[in-house]
Structures are given as C-alpha cells and as structure tokens.
mmCIF file of all heavy atoms, coordinates in Angstrom:
data_MODEL
# 
_entry.id   MODEL 
# 
loop_
_atom_site.group_PDB 
_atom_site.id 
_atom_site.type_symbol 
_atom_site.label_atom_id 
_atom_site.label_alt_id 
_atom_site.label_comp_id 
_atom_site.label_asym_id 
_atom_site.label_entity_id 
_atom_site.label_seq_id 
_atom_site.pdbx_PDB_ins_code 
_atom_site.Cartn_x 
_atom_site.Cartn_y 
_atom_site.Cartn_z 
_atom_site.occupancy 
_atom_site.B_iso_or_equiv 
_atom_site.pdbx_formal_charge 
_atom_site.auth_seq_id 
_atom_site.auth_comp_id 
_atom_site.auth_asym_id 
_atom_site.auth_atom_id 
_atom_site.pdbx_PDB_model_num 
ATOM 1   N N   . VAL A 1 1  ? 132.600 43.976 -31.459 1.00 0.00 ? 1  VAL A N   1 
ATOM 2   C CA  . VAL A 1 1  ? 131.862 45.100 -32.031 1.00 0.00 ? 1  VAL A CA  1 
ATOM 3   C C   . VAL A 1 1  ? 130.796 44.568 -32.964 1.00 0.00 ? 1  VAL A C   1 
ATOM 4   O O   . VAL A 1 1  ? 130.936 43.490 -33.552 1.00 0.00 ? 1  VAL A O   1 
ATOM 5   C CB  . VAL A 1 1  ? 132.815 46.043 -32.814 1.00 0.00 ? 1  VAL A CB  1 
ATOM 6   C CG1 . VAL A 1 1  ? 132.052 47.189 -33.464 1.00 0.00 ? 1  VAL A CG1 1 
ATOM 7   C CG2 . VAL A 1 1  ? 133.889 46.604 -31.885 1.00 0.00 ? 1  VAL A CG2 1 
ATOM 8   N N   . GLY A 1 2  ? 129.719 45.316 -33.110 1.00 0.00 ? 2  GLY A N   1 
ATOM 9   C CA  . GLY A 1 2  ? 128.712 45.056 -34.126 1.00 0.00 ? 2  GLY A CA  1 
ATOM 10  C C   . GLY A 1 2  ? 128.376 46.350 -34.844 1.00 0.00 ? 2  GLY A C   1 
ATOM 11  O O   . GLY A 1 2  ? 128.475 47.444 -34.259 1.00 0.00 ? 2  GLY A O   1 
ATOM 12  N N   . TYR A 1 3  ? 127.987 46.255 -36.118 1.00 0.00 ? 3  TYR A N   1 
ATOM 13  C CA  . TYR A 1 3  ? 127.621 47.424 -36.909 1.00 0.00 ? 3  TYR A CA  1 
ATOM 14  C C   . TYR A 1 3  ? 126.224 47.196 -37.483 1.00 0.00 ? 3  TYR A C   1 
ATOM 15  O O   . TYR A 1 3  ? 125.911 46.104 -37.956 1.00 0.00 ? 3  TYR A O   1 
ATOM 16  C CB  . TYR A 1 3  ? 128.608 47.643 -38.056 1.00 0.00 ? 3  TYR A CB  1 
ATOM 17  C CG  . TYR A 1 3  ? 130.038 47.853 -37.602 1.00 0.00 ? 3  TYR A CG  1 
ATOM 18  C CD1 . TYR A 1 3  ? 130.878 46.765 -37.358 1.00 0.00 ? 3  TYR A CD1 1 
ATOM 19  C CD2 . TYR A 1 3  ? 130.549 49.135 -37.422 1.00 0.00 ? 3  TYR A CD2 1 
ATOM 20  C CE1 . TYR A 1 3  ? 132.189 46.951 -36.939 1.00 0.00 ? 3  TYR A CE1 1 
ATOM 21  C CE2 . TYR A 1 3  ? 131.865 49.328 -37.008 1.00 0.00 ? 3  TYR A CE2 1 
ATOM 22  C CZ  . TYR A 1 3  ? 132.677 48.234 -36.763 1.00 0.00 ? 3  TYR A CZ  1 
ATOM 23  O OH  . TYR A 1 3  ? 133.967 48.416 -36.342 1.00 0.00 ? 3  TYR A OH  1 
ATOM 24  N N   . VAL A 1 4  ? 125.402 48.240 -37.429 1.00 0.00 ? 4  VAL A N   1 
ATOM 25  C CA  . VAL A 1 4  ? 124.027 48.161 -37.938 1.00 0.00 ? 4  VAL A CA  1 
ATOM 26  C C   . VAL A 1 4  ? 123.804 49.339 -38.870 1.00 0.00 ? 4  VAL A C   1 
ATOM 27  O O   . VAL A 1 4  ? 124.064 50.497 -38.507 1.00 0.00 ? 4  VAL A O   1 
ATOM 28  C CB  . VAL A 1 4  ? 122.997 48.187 -36.794 1.00 0.00 ? 4  VAL A CB  1 
ATOM 29  C CG1 . VAL A 1 4  ? 121.576 48.069 -37.367 1.00 0.00 ? 4  VAL A CG1 1 
ATOM 30  C CG2 . VAL A 1 4  ? 123.257 47.071 -35.792 1.00 0.00 ? 4  VAL A CG2 1 
ATOM 31  N N   . TRP A 1 5  ? 123.281 49.028 -40.059 1.00 0.00 ? 5  TRP A N   1 
ATOM 32  C CA  . TRP A 1 5  ? 122.989 50.064 -41.051 1.00 0.00 ? 5  TRP A CA  1 
ATOM 33  C C   . TRP A 1 5  ? 121.500 50.000 -41.376 1.00 0.00 ? 5  TRP A C   1 
ATOM 34  O O   . TRP A 1 5  ? 121.025 49.041 -41.991 1.00 0.00 ? 5  TRP A O   1 
ATOM 35  C CB  . TRP A 1 5  ? 123.829 49.859 -42.311 1.00 0.00 ? 5  TRP A CB  1 
ATOM 36  C CG  . TRP A 1 5  ? 125.302 49.867 -42.015 1.00 0.00 ? 5  TRP A CG  1 
ATOM 37  C CD1 . TRP A 1 5  ? 126.074 48.783 -41.705 1.00 0.00 ? 5  TRP A CD1 1 
ATOM 38  C CD2 . TRP A 1 5  ? 126.159 51.004 -41.962 1.00 0.00 ? 5  TRP A CD2 1 
ATOM 39  N NE1 . TRP A 1 5  ? 127.370 49.181 -41.464 1.00 0.00 ? 5  TRP A NE1 1 
ATOM 40  C CE2 . TRP A 1 5  ? 127.454 50.538 -41.616 1.00 0.00 ? 5  TRP A CE2 1 
ATOM 41  C CE3 . TRP A 1 5  ? 125.965 52.368 -42.184 1.00 0.00 ? 5  TRP A CE3 1 
ATOM 42  C CZ2 . TRP A 1 5  ? 128.537 51.387 -41.474 1.00 0.00 ? 5  TRP A CZ2 1 
ATOM 43  C CZ3 . TRP A 1 5  ? 127.057 53.222 -42.059 1.00 0.00 ? 5  TRP A CZ3 1 
ATOM 44  C CH2 . TRP A 1 5  ? 128.316 52.733 -41.712 1.00 0.00 ? 5  TRP A CH2 1 
ATOM 45  N N   . SER A 1 6  ? 120.753 51.026 -40.928 1.00 0.00 ? 6  SER A N   1 
ATOM 46  C CA  . SER A 1 6  ? 119.306 51.065 -41.151 1.00 0.00 ? 6  SER A CA  1 
ATOM 47  C C   . SER A 1 6  ? 118.799 52.478 -40.894 1.00 0.00 ? 6  SER A C   1 
ATOM 48  O O   . SER A 1 6  ? 119.279 53.156 -39.974 1.00 0.00 ? 6  SER A O   1 
ATOM 49  C CB  . SER A 1 6  ? 118.587 50.082 -40.211 1.00 0.00 ? 6  SER A CB  1 
ATOM 50  O OG  . SER A 1 6  ? 117.181 50.219 -40.312 1.00 0.00 ? 6  SER A OG  1 
ATOM 51  N N   . GLU A 1 7  ? 117.827 52.908 -41.708 1.00 0.00 ? 7  GLU A N   1 
ATOM 52  C CA  . GLU A 1 7  ? 117.167 54.191 -41.476 1.00 0.00 ? 7  GLU A CA  1 
ATOM 53  C C   . GLU A 1 7  ? 115.954 54.042 -40.570 1.00 0.00 ? 7  GLU A C   1 
ATOM 54  O O   . GLU A 1 7  ? 115.348 55.041 -40.186 1.00 0.00 ? 7  GLU A O   1 
ATOM 55  C CB  . GLU A 1 7  ? 116.744 54.814 -42.811 1.00 0.00 ? 7  GLU A CB  1 
ATOM 56  C CG  . GLU A 1 7  ? 117.912 55.232 -43.706 1.00 0.00 ? 7  GLU A CG  1 
ATOM 57  C CD  . GLU A 1 7  ? 118.760 56.324 -43.078 1.00 0.00 ? 7  GLU A CD  1 
ATOM 58  O OE1 . GLU A 1 7  ? 118.291 57.475 -42.997 1.00 0.00 ? 7  GLU A OE1 1 
ATOM 59  O OE2 . GLU A 1 7  ? 119.897 56.020 -42.642 1.00 0.00 ? 7  GLU A OE2 1 
ATOM 60  N N   . ASP A 1 8  ? 115.603 52.810 -40.210 1.00 0.00 ? 8  ASP A N   1 
ATOM 61  C CA  . ASP A 1 8  ? 114.500 52.532 -39.294 1.00 0.00 ? 8  ASP A CA  1 
ATOM 62  C C   . ASP A 1 8  ? 115.079 52.485 -37.878 1.00 0.00 ? 8  ASP A C   1 
ATOM 63  O O   . ASP A 1 8  ? 115.706 51.502 -37.485 1.00 0.00 ? 8  ASP A O   1 
ATOM 64  C CB  . ASP A 1 8  ? 113.848 51.200 -39.668 1.00 0.00 ? 8  ASP A CB  1 
ATOM 65  C CG  . ASP A 1 8  ? 112.633 50.865 -38.802 1.00 0.00 ? 8  ASP A CG  1 
ATOM 66  O OD1 . ASP A 1 8  ? 112.540 51.384 -37.671 1.00 0.00 ? 8  ASP A OD1 1 
ATOM 67  O OD2 . ASP A 1 8  ? 111.807 50.049 -39.241 1.00 0.00 ? 8  ASP A OD2 1 
ATOM 68  N N   . LEU A 1 9  ? 114.882 53.556 -37.107 1.00 0.00 ? 9  LEU A N   1 
ATOM 69  C CA  . LEU A 1 9  ? 115.510 53.656 -35.800 1.00 0.00 ? 9  LEU A CA  1 
ATOM 70  C C   . LEU A 1 9  ? 115.072 52.537 -34.865 1.00 0.00 ? 9  LEU A C   1 
ATOM 71  O O   . LEU A 1 9  ? 115.885 51.987 -34.110 1.00 0.00 ? 9  LEU A O   1 
ATOM 72  C CB  . LEU A 1 9  ? 115.203 55.016 -35.172 1.00 0.00 ? 9  LEU A CB  1 
ATOM 73  C CG  . LEU A 1 9  ? 115.843 55.275 -33.806 1.00 0.00 ? 9  LEU A CG  1 
ATOM 74  C CD1 . LEU A 1 9  ? 117.360 55.186 -33.899 1.00 0.00 ? 9  LEU A CD1 1 
ATOM 75  C CD2 . LEU A 1 9  ? 115.408 56.631 -33.261 1.00 0.00 ? 9  LEU A CD2 1 
ATOM 76  N N   . LYS A 1 10 ? 113.790 52.173 -34.911 1.00 0.00 ? 10 LYS A N   1 
ATOM 77  C CA  . LYS A 1 10 ? 113.305 51.105 -34.028 1.00 0.00 ? 10 LYS A CA  1 
ATOM 78  C C   . LYS A 1 10 ? 114.001 49.782 -34.369 1.00 0.00 ? 10 LYS A C   1 
ATOM 79  O O   . LYS A 1 10 ? 114.424 49.048 -33.473 1.00 0.00 ? 10 LYS A O   1 
ATOM 80  C CB  . LYS A 1 10 ? 111.793 50.960 -34.162 1.00 0.00 ? 10 LYS A CB  1 
ATOM 81  C CG  . LYS A 1 10 ? 111.010 52.127 -33.580 1.00 0.00 ? 10 LYS A CG  1 
ATOM 82  C CD  . LYS A 1 10 ? 109.509 51.895 -33.703 1.00 0.00 ? 10 LYS A CD  1 
ATOM 83  C CE  . LYS A 1 10 ? 108.732 53.069 -33.104 1.00 0.00 ? 10 LYS A CE  1 
ATOM 84  N NZ  . LYS A 1 10 ? 107.252 52.864 -33.240 1.00 0.00 ? 10 LYS A NZ  1 
ATOM 85  N N   . ARG A 1 11 ? 114.109 49.476 -35.639 1.00 0.00 ? 11 ARG A N   1 
ATOM 86  C CA  . ARG A 1 11 ? 114.783 48.235 -36.043 1.00 0.00 ? 11 ARG A CA  1 
ATOM 87  C C   . ARG A 1 11 ? 116.259 48.292 -35.644 1.00 0.00 ? 11 ARG A C   1 
ATOM 88  O O   . ARG A 1 11 ? 116.807 47.304 -35.141 1.00 0.00 ? 11 ARG A O   1 
ATOM 89  C CB  . ARG A 1 11 ? 114.646 48.030 -37.548 1.00 0.00 ? 11 ARG A CB  1 
ATOM 90  C CG  . ARG A 1 11 ? 115.578 46.939 -38.092 1.00 0.00 ? 11 ARG A CG  1 
ATOM 91  C CD  . ARG A 1 11 ? 115.440 46.783 -39.594 1.00 0.00 ? 11 ARG A CD  1 
ATOM 92  N NE  . ARG A 1 11 ? 114.354 45.869 -39.905 1.00 0.00 ? 11 ARG A NE  1 
ATOM 93  C CZ  . ARG A 1 11 ? 114.061 45.451 -41.136 1.00 0.00 ? 11 ARG A CZ  1 
ATOM 94  N NH1 . ARG A 1 11 ? 114.763 45.893 -42.165 1.00 0.00 ? 11 ARG A NH1 1 
ATOM 95  N NH2 . ARG A 1 11 ? 113.073 44.615 -41.343 1.00 0.00 ? 11 ARG A NH2 1 
ATOM 96  N N   . ALA A 1 12 ? 116.894 49.426 -35.878 1.00 0.00 ? 12 ALA A N   1 
ATOM 97  C CA  . ALA A 1 12 ? 118.312 49.559 -35.532 1.00 0.00 ? 12 ALA A CA  1 
ATOM 98  C C   . ALA A 1 12 ? 118.532 49.345 -34.044 1.00 0.00 ? 12 ALA A C   1 
ATOM 99  O O   . ALA A 1 12 ? 119.469 48.646 -33.633 1.00 0.00 ? 12 ALA A O   1 
ATOM 100 C CB  . ALA A 1 12 ? 118.830 50.927 -35.955 1.00 0.00 ? 12 ALA A CB  1 
ATOM 101 N N   . MET A 1 13 ? 117.655 49.905 -33.218 1.00 0.00 ? 13 MET A N   1 
ATOM 102 C CA  . MET A 1 13 ? 117.813 49.771 -31.770 1.00 0.00 ? 13 MET A CA  1 
ATOM 103 C C   . MET A 1 13 ? 117.480 48.357 -31.305 1.00 0.00 ? 13 MET A C   1 
ATOM 104 O O   . MET A 1 13 ? 118.113 47.838 -30.378 1.00 0.00 ? 13 MET A O   1 
ATOM 105 C CB  . MET A 1 13 ? 116.953 50.795 -31.044 1.00 0.00 ? 13 MET A CB  1 
ATOM 106 C CG  . MET A 1 13 ? 117.404 52.229 -31.260 1.00 0.00 ? 13 MET A CG  1 
ATOM 107 S SD  . MET A 1 13 ? 119.152 52.497 -30.846 1.00 0.00 ? 13 MET A SD  1 
ATOM 108 C CE  . MET A 1 13 ? 119.129 52.170 -29.084 1.00 0.00 ? 13 MET A CE  1 
ATOM 109 N N   . ARG A 1 14 ? 116.506 47.720 -31.931 1.00 0.00 ? 14 ARG A N   1 
ATOM 110 C CA  . ARG A 1 14 ? 116.215 46.320 -31.598 1.00 0.00 ? 14 ARG A CA  1 
ATOM 111 C C   . ARG A 1 14 ? 117.433 45.448 -31.887 1.00 0.00 ? 14 ARG A C   1 
ATOM 112 O O   . ARG A 1 14 ? 117.815 44.582 -31.100 1.00 0.00 ? 14 ARG A O   1 
ATOM 113 C CB  . ARG A 1 14 ? 115.028 45.798 -32.409 1.00 0.00 ? 14 ARG A CB  1 
ATOM 114 C CG  . ARG A 1 14 ? 113.667 46.175 -31.928 1.00 0.00 ? 14 ARG A CG  1 
ATOM 115 C CD  . ARG A 1 14 ? 112.579 45.291 -32.539 1.00 0.00 ? 14 ARG A CD  1 
ATOM 116 N NE  . ARG A 1 14 ? 112.649 45.162 -33.984 1.00 0.00 ? 14 ARG A NE  1 
ATOM 117 C CZ  . ARG A 1 14 ? 112.033 45.975 -34.852 1.00 0.00 ? 14 ARG A CZ  1 
ATOM 118 N NH1 . ARG A 1 14 ? 111.328 47.007 -34.388 1.00 0.00 ? 14 ARG A NH1 1 
ATOM 119 N NH2 . ARG A 1 14 ? 112.132 45.769 -36.146 1.00 0.00 ? 14 ARG A NH2 1 
ATOM 120 N N   . THR A 1 15 ? 118.005 45.681 -33.050 1.00 0.00 ? 15 THR A N   1 
ATOM 121 C CA  . THR A 1 15 ? 119.171 44.886 -33.438 1.00 0.00 ? 15 THR A CA  1 
ATOM 122 C C   . THR A 1 15 ? 120.348 45.150 -32.505 1.00 0.00 ? 15 THR A C   1 
ATOM 123 O O   . THR A 1 15 ? 121.018 44.219 -32.040 1.00 0.00 ? 15 THR A O   1 
ATOM 124 C CB  . THR A 1 15 ? 119.565 45.199 -34.886 1.00 0.00 ? 15 THR A CB  1 
ATOM 125 O OG1 . THR A 1 15 ? 118.440 44.958 -35.746 1.00 0.00 ? 15 THR A OG1 1 
ATOM 126 C CG2 . THR A 1 15 ? 120.732 44.332 -35.335 1.00 0.00 ? 15 THR A CG2 1 
ATOM 127 N N   . ALA A 1 16 ? 120.600 46.425 -32.215 1.00 0.00 ? 16 ALA A N   1 
ATOM 128 C CA  . ALA A 1 16 ? 121.721 46.776 -31.341 1.00 0.00 ? 16 ALA A CA  1 
ATOM 129 C C   . ALA A 1 16 ? 121.571 46.128 -29.972 1.00 0.00 ? 16 ALA A C   1 
ATOM 130 O O   . ALA A 1 16 ? 122.548 45.614 -29.407 1.00 0.00 ? 16 ALA A O   1 
ATOM 131 C CB  . ALA A 1 16 ? 121.820 48.291 -31.205 1.00 0.00 ? 16 ALA A CB  1 
ATOM 132 N N   . SER A 1 17 ? 120.371 46.129 -29.422 1.00 0.00 ? 17 SER A N   1 
ATOM 133 C CA  . SER A 1 17 ? 120.170 45.559 -28.086 1.00 0.00 ? 17 SER A CA  1 
ATOM 134 C C   . SER A 1 17 ? 120.284 44.040 -28.093 1.00 0.00 ? 17 SER A C   1 
ATOM 135 O O   . SER A 1 17 ? 120.513 43.428 -27.043 1.00 0.00 ? 17 SER A O   1 
ATOM 136 C CB  . SER A 1 17 ? 118.803 45.971 -27.529 1.00 0.00 ? 17 SER A CB  1 
ATOM 137 O OG  . SER A 1 17 ? 117.749 45.403 -28.295 1.00 0.00 ? 17 SER A OG  1 
ATOM 138 N N   . SER A 1 18 ? 120.155 43.429 -29.258 1.00 0.00 ? 18 SER A N   1 
ATOM 139 C CA  . SER A 1 18 ? 120.197 41.963 -29.350 1.00 0.00 ? 18 SER A CA  1 
ATOM 140 C C   . SER A 1 18 ? 121.588 41.428 -29.662 1.00 0.00 ? 18 SER A C   1 
ATOM 141 O O   . SER A 1 18 ? 121.835 40.232 -29.498 1.00 0.00 ? 18 SER A O   1 
ATOM 142 C CB  . SER A 1 18 ? 119.227 41.480 -30.439 1.00 0.00 ? 18 SER A CB  1 
ATOM 143 O OG  . SER A 1 18 ? 117.889 41.845 -30.128 1.00 0.00 ? 18 SER A OG  1 
ATOM 144 N N   . LEU A 1 19 ? 122.493 42.291 -30.127 1.00 0.00 ? 19 LEU A N   1 
ATOM 145 C CA  . LEU A 1 19 ? 123.833 41.832 -30.471 1.00 0.00 ? 19 LEU A CA  1 
ATOM 146 C C   . LEU A 1 19 ? 124.666 41.634 -29.207 1.00 0.00 ? 19 LEU A C   1 
ATOM 147 O O   . LEU A 1 19 ? 124.703 42.506 -28.334 1.00 0.00 ? 19 LEU A O   1 
ATOM 148 C CB  . LEU A 1 19 ? 124.526 42.829 -31.399 1.00 0.00 ? 19 LEU A CB  1 
ATOM 149 C CG  . LEU A 1 19 ? 123.947 42.951 -32.805 1.00 0.00 ? 19 LEU A CG  1 
ATOM 150 C CD1 . LEU A 1 19 ? 124.673 44.036 -33.586 1.00 0.00 ? 19 LEU A CD1 1 
ATOM 151 C CD2 . LEU A 1 19 ? 124.027 41.616 -33.543 1.00 0.00 ? 19 LEU A CD2 1 
ATOM 152 N N   . ARG A 1 20 ? 125.344 40.507 -29.115 1.00 0.00 ? 20 ARG A N   1 
ATOM 153 C CA  . ARG A 1 20 ? 126.166 40.176 -27.954 1.00 0.00 ? 20 ARG A CA  1 
ATOM 154 C C   . ARG A 1 20 ? 127.587 40.677 -28.177 1.00 0.00 ? 20 ARG A C   1 
ATOM 155 O O   . ARG A 1 20 ? 128.524 39.899 -28.409 1.00 0.00 ? 20 ARG A O   1 
ATOM 156 C CB  . ARG A 1 20 ? 126.142 38.670 -27.711 1.00 0.00 ? 20 ARG A CB  1 
ATOM 157 C CG  . ARG A 1 20 ? 124.773 38.113 -27.353 1.00 0.00 ? 20 ARG A CG  1 
ATOM 158 C CD  . ARG A 1 20 ? 124.436 38.402 -25.915 1.00 0.00 ? 20 ARG A CD  1 
ATOM 159 N NE  . ARG A 1 20 ? 125.385 37.731 -25.023 1.00 0.00 ? 20 ARG A NE  1 
ATOM 160 C CZ  . ARG A 1 20 ? 125.603 38.112 -23.763 1.00 0.00 ? 20 ARG A CZ  1 
ATOM 161 N NH1 . ARG A 1 20 ? 124.979 39.157 -23.269 1.00 0.00 ? 20 ARG A NH1 1 
ATOM 162 N NH2 . ARG A 1 20 ? 126.471 37.445 -23.012 1.00 0.00 ? 20 ARG A NH2 1 
ATOM 163 N N   . THR A 1 21 ? 127.729 41.997 -28.133 1.00 0.00 ? 21 THR A N   1 
ATOM 164 C CA  . THR A 1 21 ? 129.030 42.625 -28.360 1.00 0.00 ? 21 THR A CA  1 
ATOM 165 C C   . THR A 1 21 ? 129.220 43.755 -27.365 1.00 0.00 ? 21 THR A C   1 
ATOM 166 O O   . THR A 1 21 ? 128.255 44.331 -26.850 1.00 0.00 ? 21 THR A O   1 
ATOM 167 C CB  . THR A 1 21 ? 129.136 43.199 -29.792 1.00 0.00 ? 21 THR A CB  1 
ATOM 168 O OG1 . THR A 1 21 ? 128.135 44.215 -29.967 1.00 0.00 ? 21 THR A OG1 1 
ATOM 169 C CG2 . THR A 1 21 ? 128.939 42.108 -30.829 1.00 0.00 ? 21 THR A CG2 1 
ATOM 170 N N   . GLY A 1 22 ? 130.477 44.101 -27.119 1.00 0.00 ? 22 GLY A N   1 
ATOM 171 C CA  . GLY A 1 22 ? 130.771 45.176 -26.185 1.00 0.00 ? 22 GLY A CA  1 
ATOM 172 C C   . GLY A 1 22 ? 130.428 46.550 -26.711 1.00 0.00 ? 22 GLY A C   1 
ATOM 173 O O   . GLY A 1 22 ? 130.165 47.472 -25.940 1.00 0.00 ? 22 GLY A O   1 
ATOM 174 N N   . THR A 1 23 ? 130.434 46.725 -28.017 1.00 0.00 ? 23 THR A N   1 
ATOM 175 C CA  . THR A 1 23 ? 130.105 48.002 -28.654 1.00 0.00 ? 23 THR A CA  1 
ATOM 176 C C   . THR A 1 23 ? 129.263 47.724 -29.887 1.00 0.00 ? 23 THR A C   1 
ATOM 177 O O   . THR A 1 23 ? 129.511 46.753 -30.606 1.00 0.00 ? 23 THR A O   1 
ATOM 178 C CB  . THR A 1 23 ? 131.379 48.760 -29.073 1.00 0.00 ? 23 THR A CB  1 
ATOM 179 O OG1 . THR A 1 23 ? 132.183 49.028 -27.920 1.00 0.00 ? 23 THR A OG1 1 
ATOM 180 C CG2 . THR A 1 23 ? 131.050 50.074 -29.765 1.00 0.00 ? 23 THR A CG2 1 
ATOM 181 N N   . VAL A 1 24 ? 128.258 48.571 -30.116 1.00 0.00 ? 24 VAL A N   1 
ATOM 182 C CA  . VAL A 1 24 ? 127.477 48.526 -31.355 1.00 0.00 ? 24 VAL A CA  1 
ATOM 183 C C   . VAL A 1 24 ? 127.517 49.923 -31.969 1.00 0.00 ? 24 VAL A C   1 
ATOM 184 O O   . VAL A 1 24 ? 127.282 50.919 -31.285 1.00 0.00 ? 24 VAL A O   1 
ATOM 185 C CB  . VAL A 1 24 ? 126.021 48.095 -31.114 1.00 0.00 ? 24 VAL A CB  1 
ATOM 186 C CG1 . VAL A 1 24 ? 125.260 48.064 -32.444 1.00 0.00 ? 24 VAL A CG1 1 
ATOM 187 C CG2 . VAL A 1 24 ? 125.956 46.734 -30.437 1.00 0.00 ? 24 VAL A CG2 1 
ATOM 188 N N   . MET A 1 25 ? 127.808 49.990 -33.257 1.00 0.00 ? 25 MET A N   1 
ATOM 189 C CA  . MET A 1 25 ? 127.833 51.261 -33.961 1.00 0.00 ? 25 MET A CA  1 
ATOM 190 C C   . MET A 1 25 ? 126.714 51.264 -34.990 1.00 0.00 ? 25 MET A C   1 
ATOM 191 O O   . MET A 1 25 ? 126.617 50.345 -35.809 1.00 0.00 ? 25 MET A O   1 
ATOM 192 C CB  . MET A 1 25 ? 129.192 51.471 -34.631 1.00 0.00 ? 25 MET A CB  1 
ATOM 193 C CG  . MET A 1 25 ? 130.344 51.434 -33.631 1.00 0.00 ? 25 MET A CG  1 
ATOM 194 S SD  . MET A 1 25 ? 131.943 51.821 -34.362 1.00 0.00 ? 25 MET A SD  1 
ATOM 195 C CE  . MET A 1 25 ? 133.039 51.234 -33.052 1.00 0.00 ? 25 MET A CE  1 
ATOM 196 N N   . VAL A 1 26 ? 125.860 52.264 -34.926 1.00 0.00 ? 26 VAL A N   1 
ATOM 197 C CA  . VAL A 1 26 ? 124.689 52.358 -35.792 1.00 0.00 ? 26 VAL A CA  1 
ATOM 198 C C   . VAL A 1 26 ? 124.913 53.477 -36.802 1.00 0.00 ? 26 VAL A C   1 
ATOM 199 O O   . VAL A 1 26 ? 125.124 54.637 -36.432 1.00 0.00 ? 26 VAL A O   1 
ATOM 200 C CB  . VAL A 1 26 ? 123.412 52.619 -34.968 1.00 0.00 ? 26 VAL A CB  1 
ATOM 201 C CG1 . VAL A 1 26 ? 122.194 52.762 -35.898 1.00 0.00 ? 26 VAL A CG1 1 
ATOM 202 C CG2 . VAL A 1 26 ? 123.179 51.488 -33.967 1.00 0.00 ? 26 VAL A CG2 1 
# 
C-alpha cells in the first residue's frame, strides 16, 4: 500500500501512478 496526502490533485495522481504498490490511498 501507499498513502499520499496532498491538496494538489495533479501531484497526488502523479505520485499515485509512480508508486509500486497494489493499492494507493489519496
């Protein structure tokens, strides 16, 4: 799992797509 905390949706989605995990929670 990966967790991302950001109010910048573009940054959050960039980070989520780059994390090598089965699930990402934003």
